[in-house]
Amino acid sequence: MTTARTTIPTEIKVLMNHIYELHKGVRHMVLFTCNKKYSELAIQRLKSQRCEVHWCCRNRRLHL
């Protein structure tokens, strides 16, 4: 029996850590840039954590 593993991209792990610190009060704001291919996942994660999101996309990079 094999187990399928999904790996979380490093960029998303960094975002998740920023969100954690934001909720704990260590940070008051997060500025985050990632590859555009992670944009849907990043925005979905922020919205699920009830974070206000302002973003723009330039040169294949997502700026949150």
N, C-alpha and C. Protein backbone atom coordinates (compact mmCIF):
# COMPACT_ATOMS: atom_id res chain seq x y z
N MET A 1 0.85 -1.18 0.00
CA MET A 1 0.00 0.00 0.00
C MET A 1 0.89 1.24 0.00
N THR A 2 0.64 2.15 -0.92
CA THR A 2 1.42 3.37 -0.98
C THR A 2 0.58 4.54 -0.51
N THR A 3 1.24 5.49 0.07
CA THR A 3 0.58 6.68 0.56
C THR A 3 0.98 7.86 -0.30
N ALA A 4 0.01 8.55 -0.84
CA ALA A 4 0.29 9.73 -1.65
C ALA A 4 0.60 10.90 -0.72
N ARG A 5 1.69 11.57 -0.98
CA ARG A 5 2.08 12.72 -0.17
C ARG A 5 1.99 13.98 -1.01
N THR A 6 1.43 15.00 -0.43
CA THR A 6 1.43 16.29 -1.10
C THR A 6 2.42 17.18 -0.36
N THR A 7 3.27 17.81 -1.11
CA THR A 7 4.24 18.69 -0.49
C THR A 7 3.77 20.12 -0.63
N ILE A 8 3.98 20.87 0.41
CA ILE A 8 3.62 22.28 0.41
C ILE A 8 4.84 23.06 -0.06
N PRO A 9 4.68 23.90 -1.08
CA PRO A 9 5.82 24.68 -1.57
C PRO A 9 6.40 25.56 -0.46
N THR A 10 7.70 25.77 -0.49
CA THR A 10 8.38 26.56 0.52
C THR A 10 7.79 27.96 0.62
N GLU A 11 7.45 28.57 -0.50
CA GLU A 11 6.88 29.92 -0.48
C GLU A 11 5.58 29.95 0.31
N ILE A 12 4.76 28.93 0.19
CA ILE A 12 3.49 28.87 0.92
C ILE A 12 3.75 28.60 2.40
N LYS A 13 4.76 27.82 2.71
CA LYS A 13 5.12 27.59 4.11
C LYS A 13 5.52 28.90 4.78
N VAL A 14 6.26 29.73 4.06
CA VAL A 14 6.66 31.04 4.59
C VAL A 14 5.41 31.89 4.83
N LEU A 15 4.48 31.90 3.88
CA LEU A 15 3.24 32.64 4.04
C LEU A 15 2.46 32.15 5.27
N MET A 16 2.37 30.84 5.43
CA MET A 16 1.65 30.28 6.57
C MET A 16 2.29 30.71 7.89
N ASN A 17 3.61 30.79 7.92
CA ASN A 17 4.30 31.26 9.12
C ASN A 17 3.99 32.74 9.38
N HIS A 18 3.97 33.53 8.32
CA HIS A 18 3.62 34.95 8.47
C HIS A 18 2.20 35.11 9.02
N ILE A 19 1.27 34.31 8.52
CA ILE A 19 -0.12 34.36 8.99
C ILE A 19 -0.17 33.99 10.47
N TYR A 20 0.55 32.96 10.85
CA TYR A 20 0.60 32.54 12.25
C TYR A 20 1.11 33.68 13.14
N GLU A 21 2.21 34.31 12.72
CA GLU A 21 2.78 35.41 13.48
C GLU A 21 1.83 36.60 13.53
N LEU A 22 1.10 36.84 12.46
CA LEU A 22 0.12 37.92 12.41
C LEU A 22 -0.98 37.69 13.45
N HIS A 23 -1.48 36.48 13.52
CA HIS A 23 -2.54 36.15 14.48
C HIS A 23 -2.03 36.17 15.93
N LYS A 24 -0.76 35.87 16.14
CA LYS A 24 -0.18 35.87 17.49
C LYS A 24 0.21 37.28 17.95
N GLY A 25 0.20 38.24 17.03
CA GLY A 25 0.56 39.61 17.38
C GLY A 25 2.03 39.95 17.22
N VAL A 26 2.80 39.01 16.69
CA VAL A 26 4.22 39.26 16.45
C VAL A 26 4.38 40.25 15.29
N ARG A 27 3.49 40.16 14.31
CA ARG A 27 3.48 41.06 13.15
C ARG A 27 2.17 41.82 13.13
N HIS A 28 2.24 43.04 12.59
CA HIS A 28 1.02 43.83 12.42
C HIS A 28 0.59 43.86 10.96
N MET A 29 1.52 43.54 10.08
CA MET A 29 1.24 43.54 8.64
C MET A 29 2.23 42.59 7.97
N VAL A 30 1.82 42.00 6.87
CA VAL A 30 2.69 41.10 6.12
C VAL A 30 2.74 41.57 4.68
N LEU A 31 3.94 41.72 4.15
CA LEU A 31 4.16 41.96 2.73
C LEU A 31 4.79 40.68 2.19
N PHE A 32 4.21 40.13 1.15
CA PHE A 32 4.64 38.82 0.68
C PHE A 32 4.62 38.79 -0.84
N THR A 33 5.66 38.23 -1.43
CA THR A 33 5.76 38.08 -2.88
C THR A 33 6.02 36.61 -3.18
N CYS A 34 5.28 36.08 -4.17
CA CYS A 34 5.50 34.68 -4.54
C CYS A 34 5.28 34.52 -6.04
N ASN A 35 5.63 33.36 -6.53
CA ASN A 35 5.42 33.03 -7.93
C ASN A 35 3.92 33.02 -8.23
N LYS A 36 3.57 33.48 -9.41
CA LYS A 36 2.16 33.58 -9.79
C LYS A 36 1.44 32.22 -9.74
N LYS A 37 2.17 31.13 -9.93
CA LYS A 37 1.51 29.82 -9.94
C LYS A 37 0.94 29.45 -8.57
N TYR A 38 1.37 30.14 -7.51
CA TYR A 38 0.84 29.90 -6.17
C TYR A 38 -0.22 30.92 -5.76
N SER A 39 -0.61 31.80 -6.68
CA SER A 39 -1.50 32.91 -6.33
C SER A 39 -2.85 32.43 -5.78
N GLU A 40 -3.47 31.48 -6.45
CA GLU A 40 -4.77 31.00 -5.99
C GLU A 40 -4.67 30.38 -4.60
N LEU A 41 -3.66 29.58 -4.37
CA LEU A 41 -3.46 28.94 -3.08
C LEU A 41 -3.19 29.98 -1.98
N ALA A 42 -2.35 30.96 -2.29
CA ALA A 42 -2.00 31.99 -1.30
C ALA A 42 -3.22 32.83 -0.92
N ILE A 43 -3.96 33.29 -1.90
CA ILE A 43 -5.14 34.11 -1.63
C ILE A 43 -6.20 33.30 -0.89
N GLN A 44 -6.40 32.06 -1.30
CA GLN A 44 -7.37 31.18 -0.63
C GLN A 44 -6.99 31.00 0.84
N ARG A 45 -5.71 30.78 1.11
CA ARG A 45 -5.25 30.59 2.48
C ARG A 45 -5.48 31.85 3.32
N LEU A 46 -5.15 33.01 2.76
CA LEU A 46 -5.35 34.26 3.50
C LEU A 46 -6.83 34.51 3.80
N LYS A 47 -7.68 34.27 2.83
CA LYS A 47 -9.12 34.47 3.04
C LYS A 47 -9.68 33.49 4.06
N SER A 48 -9.19 32.24 4.04
CA SER A 48 -9.68 31.25 5.00
C SER A 48 -9.26 31.59 6.43
N GLN A 49 -8.18 32.37 6.56
CA GLN A 49 -7.71 32.80 7.87
C GLN A 49 -8.25 34.18 8.25
N ARG A 50 -9.20 34.67 7.46
CA ARG A 50 -9.86 35.97 7.68
C ARG A 50 -8.87 37.13 7.68
N CYS A 51 -7.91 37.08 6.77
CA CYS A 51 -6.94 38.16 6.61
C CYS A 51 -7.41 39.05 5.46
N GLU A 52 -7.29 40.34 5.66
CA GLU A 52 -7.62 41.27 4.59
C GLU A 52 -6.53 41.17 3.52
N VAL A 53 -6.93 41.07 2.28
CA VAL A 53 -5.96 40.83 1.20
C VAL A 53 -6.02 41.97 0.18
N HIS A 54 -4.86 42.55 -0.10
CA HIS A 54 -4.67 43.50 -1.20
C HIS A 54 -3.54 42.93 -2.03
N TRP A 55 -3.76 42.78 -3.32
CA TRP A 55 -2.74 42.14 -4.13
C TRP A 55 -2.63 42.77 -5.50
N CYS A 56 -1.50 42.56 -6.13
CA CYS A 56 -1.30 42.92 -7.54
C CYS A 56 -0.37 41.87 -8.13
N CYS A 57 -0.43 41.74 -9.43
CA CYS A 57 0.38 40.73 -10.10
C CYS A 57 1.18 41.41 -11.22
N ARG A 58 2.49 41.29 -11.16
CA ARG A 58 3.37 41.87 -12.17
C ARG A 58 4.52 40.91 -12.44
N ASN A 59 4.88 40.80 -13.69
CA ASN A 59 6.05 40.02 -14.08
C ASN A 59 6.08 38.62 -13.49
N ARG A 60 4.95 37.92 -13.61
CA ARG A 60 4.82 36.55 -13.12
C ARG A 60 5.00 36.42 -11.61
N ARG A 61 4.88 37.51 -10.87
CA ARG A 61 5.01 37.49 -9.41
C ARG A 61 3.73 38.05 -8.81
N LEU A 62 3.30 37.48 -7.71
CA LEU A 62 2.13 37.95 -6.98
C LEU A 62 2.63 38.70 -5.76
N HIS A 63 2.13 39.91 -5.57
CA HIS A 63 2.50 40.73 -4.43
C HIS A 63 1.29 40.89 -3.54
N LEU A 64 1.40 40.41 -2.31
CA LEU A 64 0.31 40.48 -1.34
C LEU A 64 0.68 41.43 -0.23
